PDB file of N, CA and C in Angstrom:
ATOM      1  N   MET A   1       1.006 -37.777 -21.915  1.00  0.00           N
ATOM      2  CA  MET A   1      -0.264 -37.031 -22.717  1.00  0.00           C
ATOM      3  C   MET A   1      -0.208 -37.355 -24.185  1.00  0.00           C
ATOM      4  N   SER A   2      -1.402 -38.258 -24.374  1.00  0.00           N
ATOM      5  CA  SER A   2      -1.647 -38.682 -25.804  1.00  0.00           C
ATOM      6  C   SER A   2      -1.828 -37.369 -27.139  1.00  0.00           C
ATOM      7  N   ARG A   3      -1.068 -37.621 -28.062  1.00  0.00           N
ATOM      8  CA  ARG A   3      -1.266 -36.504 -28.928  1.00  0.00           C
ATOM      9  C   ARG A   3      -2.582 -35.733 -29.173  1.00  0.00           C
ATOM     10  N   GLY A   4      -3.679 -36.861 -29.601  1.00  0.00           N
ATOM     11  CA  GLY A   4      -5.140 -36.216 -29.196  1.00  0.00           C
ATOM     12  C   GLY A   4      -5.282 -35.255 -28.364  1.00  0.00           C
ATOM     13  N   LYS A   5      -5.292 -35.658 -27.166  1.00  0.00           N
ATOM     14  CA  LYS A   5      -5.261 -34.723 -25.493  1.00  0.00           C
ATOM     15  C   LYS A   5      -4.224 -33.519 -26.158  1.00  0.00           C
ATOM     16  N   GLN A   6      -3.333 -33.433 -26.405  1.00  0.00           N
ATOM     17  CA  GLN A   6      -2.469 -32.559 -26.646  1.00  0.00           C
ATOM     18  C   GLN A   6      -2.686 -31.814 -27.604  1.00  0.00           C
ATOM     19  N   GLU A   7      -3.469 -31.903 -28.399  1.00  0.00           N
ATOM     20  CA  GLU A   7      -3.944 -31.130 -29.760  1.00  0.00           C
ATOM     21  C   GLU A   7      -5.366 -30.779 -29.316  1.00  0.00           C
ATOM     22  N   LEU A   8      -5.952 -31.419 -28.422  1.00  0.00           N
ATOM     23  CA  LEU A   8      -7.083 -30.371 -27.732  1.00  0.00           C
ATOM     24  C   LEU A   8      -6.834 -29.376 -26.771  1.00  0.00           C
ATOM     25  N   LYS A   9      -6.105 -29.505 -25.972  1.00  0.00           N
ATOM     26  CA  LYS A   9      -5.327 -28.240 -25.405  1.00  0.00           C
ATOM     27  C   LYS A   9      -5.072 -27.278 -26.103  1.00  0.00           C
ATOM     28  N   TYR A  10      -3.710 -27.247 -27.234  1.00  0.00           N
ATOM     29  CA  TYR A  10      -3.788 -26.103 -28.063  1.00  0.00           C
ATOM     30  C   TYR A  10      -5.323 -25.407 -28.747  1.00  0.00           C
ATOM     31  N   GLN A  11      -6.023 -26.527 -29.045  1.00  0.00           N
ATOM     32  CA  GLN A  11      -7.106 -25.831 -29.601  1.00  0.00           C
ATOM     33  C   GLN A  11      -8.265 -25.173 -27.943  1.00  0.00           C
ATOM     34  N   LEU A  12      -7.802 -25.655 -27.291  1.00  0.00           N
ATOM     35  CA  LEU A  12      -8.544 -25.091 -25.767  1.00  0.00           C
ATOM     36  C   LEU A  12      -7.946 -23.802 -25.713  1.00  0.00           C
ATOM     37  N   TRP A  13      -6.284 -23.069 -25.723  1.00  0.00           N
ATOM     38  CA  TRP A  13      -5.803 -21.960 -25.579  1.00  0.00           C
ATOM     39  C   TRP A  13      -6.338 -21.116 -26.683  1.00  0.00           C
ATOM     40  N   GLY A  14      -6.432 -21.796 -27.805  1.00  0.00           N
ATOM     41  CA  GLY A  14      -6.932 -20.993 -29.142  1.00  0.00           C
ATOM     42  C   GLY A  14      -8.139 -20.570 -29.120  1.00  0.00           C
ATOM     43  N   TRP A  15      -8.992 -21.084 -28.465  1.00  0.00           N
ATOM     44  CA  TRP A  15     -10.427 -20.794 -28.096  1.00  0.00           C
ATOM     45  C   TRP A  15     -10.414 -19.639 -26.930  1.00  0.00           C
ATOM     46  N   ILE A  16      -9.516 -19.746 -26.085  1.00  0.00           N
ATOM     47  CA  ILE A  16      -9.084 -18.576 -25.404  1.00  0.00           C
ATOM     48  C   ILE A  16      -8.704 -17.354 -25.686  1.00  0.00           C
ATOM     49  N   LEU A  17      -7.743 -17.775 -26.628  1.00  0.00           N
ATOM     50  CA  LEU A  17      -7.430 -15.977 -27.018  1.00  0.00           C
ATOM     51  C   LEU A  17      -8.199 -15.835 -27.819  1.00  0.00           C
ATOM     52  N   PHE A  18      -9.544 -16.328 -28.465  1.00  0.00           N
ATOM     53  CA  PHE A  18      -9.988 -15.687 -29.545  1.00  0.00           C
ATOM     54  C   PHE A  18     -11.102 -15.003 -28.458  1.00  0.00           C
ATOM     55  N   ILE A  19     -11.784 -15.415 -27.458  1.00  0.00           N
ATOM     56  CA  ILE A  19     -12.291 -15.380 -26.360  1.00  0.00           C
ATOM     57  C   ILE A  19     -11.929 -13.460 -25.974  1.00  0.00           C
ATOM     58  N   VAL A  20     -10.481 -13.881 -25.236  1.00  0.00           N
ATOM     59  CA  VAL A  20      -9.725 -12.546 -24.986  1.00  0.00           C
ATOM     60  C   VAL A  20      -9.758 -11.408 -26.488  1.00  0.00           C
ATOM     61  N   CYS A  21     -10.030 -12.024 -27.256  1.00  0.00           N
ATOM     62  CA  CYS A  21     -10.228 -10.657 -28.504  1.00  0.00           C
ATOM     63  C   CYS A  21     -11.327 -10.419 -28.697  1.00  0.00           C
ATOM     64  N   ALA A  22     -12.035 -11.306 -28.473  1.00  0.00           N
ATOM     65  CA  ALA A  22     -13.869 -10.753 -28.163  1.00  0.00           C
ATOM     66  C   ALA A  22     -13.733  -9.749 -27.215  1.00  0.00           C
ATOM     67  N   LEU A  23     -13.549  -9.888 -25.628  1.00  0.00           N
ATOM     68  CA  LEU A  23     -13.800  -9.161 -24.910  1.00  0.00           C
ATOM     69  C   LEU A  23     -13.080  -7.753 -25.558  1.00  0.00           C
ATOM     70  N   ILE A  24     -11.554  -7.734 -25.815  1.00  0.00           N
ATOM     71  CA  ILE A  24     -11.015  -6.469 -26.512  1.00  0.00           C
ATOM     72  C   ILE A  24     -11.575  -5.440 -27.432  1.00  0.00           C
ATOM     73  N   PHE A  25     -12.461  -6.322 -28.277  1.00  0.00           N
ATOM     74  CA  PHE A  25     -13.442  -5.729 -29.619  1.00  0.00           C
ATOM     75  C   PHE A  25     -14.096  -4.934 -28.551  1.00  0.00           C
ATOM     76  N   ILE A  26     -15.185  -5.416 -27.667  1.00  0.00           N
ATOM     77  CA  ILE A  26     -15.769  -5.191 -26.883  1.00  0.00           C
ATOM     78  C   ILE A  26     -15.596  -4.101 -25.935  1.00  0.00           C
ATOM     79  N   VAL A  27     -14.698  -3.983 -25.423  1.00  0.00           N
ATOM     80  CA  VAL A  27     -14.374  -2.697 -24.521  1.00  0.00           C
ATOM     81  C   VAL A  27     -13.854  -1.923 -25.908  1.00  0.00           C
ATOM     82  N   SER A  28     -13.306  -1.484 -26.478  1.00  0.00           N
ATOM     83  CA  SER A  28     -13.169  -0.807 -27.796  1.00  0.00           C
ATOM     84  C   SER A  28     -14.049  -0.294 -28.400  1.00  0.00           C
ATOM     85  N   SER A  29     -15.042  -1.246 -28.454  1.00  0.00           N
ATOM     86  CA  SER A  29     -16.523  -0.689 -29.207  1.00  0.00           C
ATOM     87  C   SER A  29     -17.514   0.256 -28.011  1.00  0.00           C
ATOM     88  N   ILE A  30     -17.469  -0.419 -26.957  1.00  0.00           N
ATOM     89  CA  ILE A  30     -17.830   0.620 -26.340  1.00  0.00           C
ATOM     90  C   ILE A  30     -17.573   1.959 -25.785  1.00  0.00           C
ATOM     91  N   HIS A  31     -15.985   2.056 -25.864  1.00  0.00           N
ATOM     92  CA  HIS A  31     -15.505   3.444 -25.678  1.00  0.00           C
ATOM     93  C   HIS A  31     -15.284   4.263 -26.817  1.00  0.00           C
ATOM     94  N   MET A  32     -15.788   3.414 -28.240  1.00  0.00           N
ATOM     95  CA  MET A  32     -15.640   4.562 -29.142  1.00  0.00           C
ATOM     96  C   MET A  32     -17.191   4.575 -29.531  1.00  0.00           C
ATOM     97  N   GLY A  33     -18.290   4.103 -28.943  1.00  0.00           N
ATOM     98  CA  GLY A  33     -19.572   3.972 -29.465  1.00  0.00           C
ATOM     99  C   GLY A  33     -20.360   3.577 -30.149  1.00  0.00           C
ATOM    100  N   ASP A  34     -19.391   2.604 -31.032  1.00  0.00           N
ATOM    101  CA  ASP A  34     -19.580   1.914 -31.931  1.00  0.00           C
ATOM    102  C   ASP A  34     -20.409   0.618 -31.395  1.00  0.00           C
ATOM    103  N   ILE A  35     -22.233   0.982 -31.778  1.00  0.00           N
ATOM    104  CA  ILE A  35     -22.726  -0.115 -31.674  1.00  0.00           C
ATOM    105  C   ILE A  35     -22.650  -1.232 -33.018  1.00  0.00           C
ATOM    106  N   LEU A  36     -22.636  -0.654 -33.746  1.00  0.00           N
ATOM    107  CA  LEU A  36     -22.054  -1.941 -35.045  1.00  0.00           C
ATOM    108  C   LEU A  36     -21.157  -2.936 -34.224  1.00  0.00           C
ATOM    109  N   MET A  37     -19.893  -2.430 -34.006  1.00  0.00           N
ATOM    110  CA  MET A  37     -18.823  -3.656 -33.906  1.00  0.00           C
ATOM    111  C   MET A  37     -19.401  -3.820 -32.619  1.00  0.00           C
ATOM    112  N   LEU A  38     -19.616  -3.118 -31.108  1.00  0.00           N
ATOM    113  CA  LEU A  38     -20.442  -3.933 -30.379  1.00  0.00           C
ATOM    114  C   LEU A  38     -21.260  -5.305 -30.510  1.00  0.00           C
ATOM    115  N   ILE A  39     -22.204  -4.709 -31.387  1.00  0.00           N
ATOM    116  CA  ILE A  39     -22.960  -6.228 -31.811  1.00  0.00           C
ATOM    117  C   ILE A  39     -22.426  -7.225 -32.077  1.00  0.00           C
ATOM    118  N   GLY A  40     -21.393  -7.020 -33.243  1.00  0.00           N
ATOM    119  CA  GLY A  40     -20.387  -8.210 -34.192  1.00  0.00           C
ATOM    120  C   GLY A  40     -19.518  -8.174 -33.247  1.00  0.00           C
ATOM    121  N   SER A  41     -19.151  -7.781 -32.234  1.00  0.00           N
ATOM    122  CA  SER A  41     -18.123  -7.996 -30.532  1.00  0.00           C
ATOM    123  C   SER A  41     -18.995  -9.272 -30.645  1.00  0.00           C
ATOM    124  N   LEU A  42     -20.130  -8.934 -29.451  1.00  0.00           N
ATOM    125  CA  LEU A  42     -21.232  -9.937 -28.875  1.00  0.00           C
ATOM    126  C   LEU A  42     -21.282 -11.033 -29.671  1.00  0.00           C
ATOM    127  N   PHE A  43     -21.273 -11.217 -30.885  1.00  0.00           N
ATOM    128  CA  PHE A  43     -21.540 -12.264 -31.419  1.00  0.00           C
ATOM    129  C   PHE A  43     -20.795 -13.365 -31.854  1.00  0.00           C
ATOM    130  N   PHE A  44     -19.671 -12.512 -32.145  1.00  0.00           N
ATOM    131  CA  PHE A  44     -18.032 -13.181 -32.127  1.00  0.00           C
ATOM    132  C   PHE A  44     -17.996 -14.167 -30.473  1.00  0.00           C
ATOM    133  N   LEU A  45     -18.074 -13.033 -29.973  1.00  0.00           N
ATOM    134  CA  LEU A  45     -18.119 -14.218 -28.595  1.00  0.00           C
ATOM    135  C   LEU A  45     -18.810 -15.329 -28.039  1.00  0.00           C
ATOM    136  N   VAL A  46     -19.806 -15.096 -28.455  1.00  0.00           N
ATOM    137  CA  VAL A  46     -21.121 -15.766 -28.394  1.00  0.00           C
ATOM    138  C   VAL A  46     -21.215 -17.511 -29.072  1.00  0.00           C
ATOM    139  N   ALA A  47     -20.285 -17.151 -30.164  1.00  0.00           N
ATOM    140  CA  ALA A  47     -19.629 -18.122 -31.412  1.00  0.00           C
ATOM    141  C   ALA A  47     -18.740 -19.036 -30.802  1.00  0.00           C
ATOM    142  N   CYS A  48     -17.477 -17.825 -30.417  1.00  0.00           N
ATOM    143  CA  CYS A  48     -16.796 -18.852 -29.084  1.00  0.00           C
ATOM    144  C   CYS A  48     -17.068 -19.894 -28.335  1.00  0.00           C
ATOM    145  N   PHE A  49     -17.833 -19.078 -27.521  1.00  0.00           N
ATOM    146  CA  PHE A  49     -18.453 -20.107 -26.792  1.00  0.00           C
ATOM    147  C   PHE A  49     -19.244 -21.258 -27.287  1.00  0.00           C
ATOM    148  N   ALA A  50     -19.587 -20.900 -27.831  1.00  0.00           N
ATOM    149  CA  ALA A  50     -20.475 -22.059 -28.987  1.00  0.00           C
ATOM    150  C   ALA A  50     -19.488 -23.355 -29.410  1.00  0.00           C
ATOM    151  N   PHE A  51     -18.526 -23.119 -29.348  1.00  0.00           N
ATOM    152  CA  PHE A  51     -17.539 -23.783 -30.057  1.00  0.00           C
ATOM    153  C   PHE A  51     -16.440 -24.284 -28.909  1.00  0.00           C
ATOM    154  N   LEU A  52     -16.696 -23.899 -27.856  1.00  0.00           N
ATOM    155  CA  LEU A  52     -15.664 -24.031 -26.855  1.00  0.00           C
ATOM    156  C   LEU A  52     -16.755 -25.079 -25.968  1.00  0.00           C
ATOM    157  N   ILE A  53     -17.783 -25.375 -25.645  1.00  0.00           N
ATOM    158  CA  ILE A  53     -18.388 -25.650 -25.205  1.00  0.00           C
ATOM    159  C   ILE A  53     -18.390 -27.486 -25.050  1.00  0.00           C
ATOM    160  N   PRO A  54     -18.934 -27.518 -27.090  1.00  0.00           N
ATOM    161  CA  PRO A  54     -17.834 -29.336 -27.101  1.00  0.00           C
ATOM    162  C   PRO A  54     -16.053 -29.477 -26.732  1.00  0.00           C
ATOM    163  N   LEU A  55     -15.901 -28.862 -27.169  1.00  0.00           N
ATOM    164  CA  LEU A  55     -14.448 -28.806 -27.239  1.00  0.00           C
ATOM    165  C   LEU A  55     -14.043 -29.166 -25.057  1.00  0.00           C
ATOM    166  N   LEU A  56     -14.653 -28.194 -23.944  1.00  0.00           N
ATOM    167  CA  LEU A  56     -15.031 -28.791 -23.065  1.00  0.00           C
ATOM    168  C   LEU A  56     -15.272 -29.974 -22.444  1.00  0.00           C
ATOM    169  N   LYS A  57     -16.295 -30.687 -23.167  1.00  0.00           N
ATOM    170  CA  LYS A  57     -17.018 -31.678 -23.082  1.00  0.00           C
ATOM    171  C   LYS A  57     -16.092 -32.946 -23.368  1.00  0.00           C
ATOM    172  N   THR A  58     -15.370 -32.346 -24.473  1.00  0.00           N
ATOM    173  CA  THR A  58     -14.205 -34.070 -24.898  1.00  0.00           C
ATOM    174  C   THR A  58     -13.448 -33.987 -24.286  1.00  0.00           C
ATOM    175  N   LEU A  59     -12.504 -32.961 -23.477  1.00  0.00           N
ATOM    176  CA  LEU A  59     -11.855 -32.971 -22.344  1.00  0.00           C
ATOM    177  C   LEU A  59     -11.585 -33.098 -21.210  1.00  0.00           C
ATOM    178  N   LYS A  60     -13.258 -33.282 -20.970  1.00  0.00           N
ATOM    179  CA  LYS A  60     -13.876 -33.727 -19.726  1.00  0.00           C
ATOM    180  C   LYS A  60     -13.424 -35.572 -19.619  1.00  0.00           C
ATOM    181  N   ASN A  61     -14.007 -35.794 -20.804  1.00  0.00           N
ATOM    182  CA  ASN A  61     -14.296 -37.043 -20.527  1.00  0.00           C
ATOM    183  C   ASN A  61     -12.736 -37.523 -20.787  1.00  0.00           C
TER     184      ASN A  61
END
């Protein structure tokens, strides 16, 4: 495996962990009834996917 491809896989795992964190924040905000935290968590989740999509396209090629 080339060094560049290995680095991309580490980045992928990092983004997966960020998505897991966003999901935990979403569940926590719903549990606490905090709408501001919920909105922020949803934006964070969308941003994670925005960064993840180009990475997945790069890994696919």
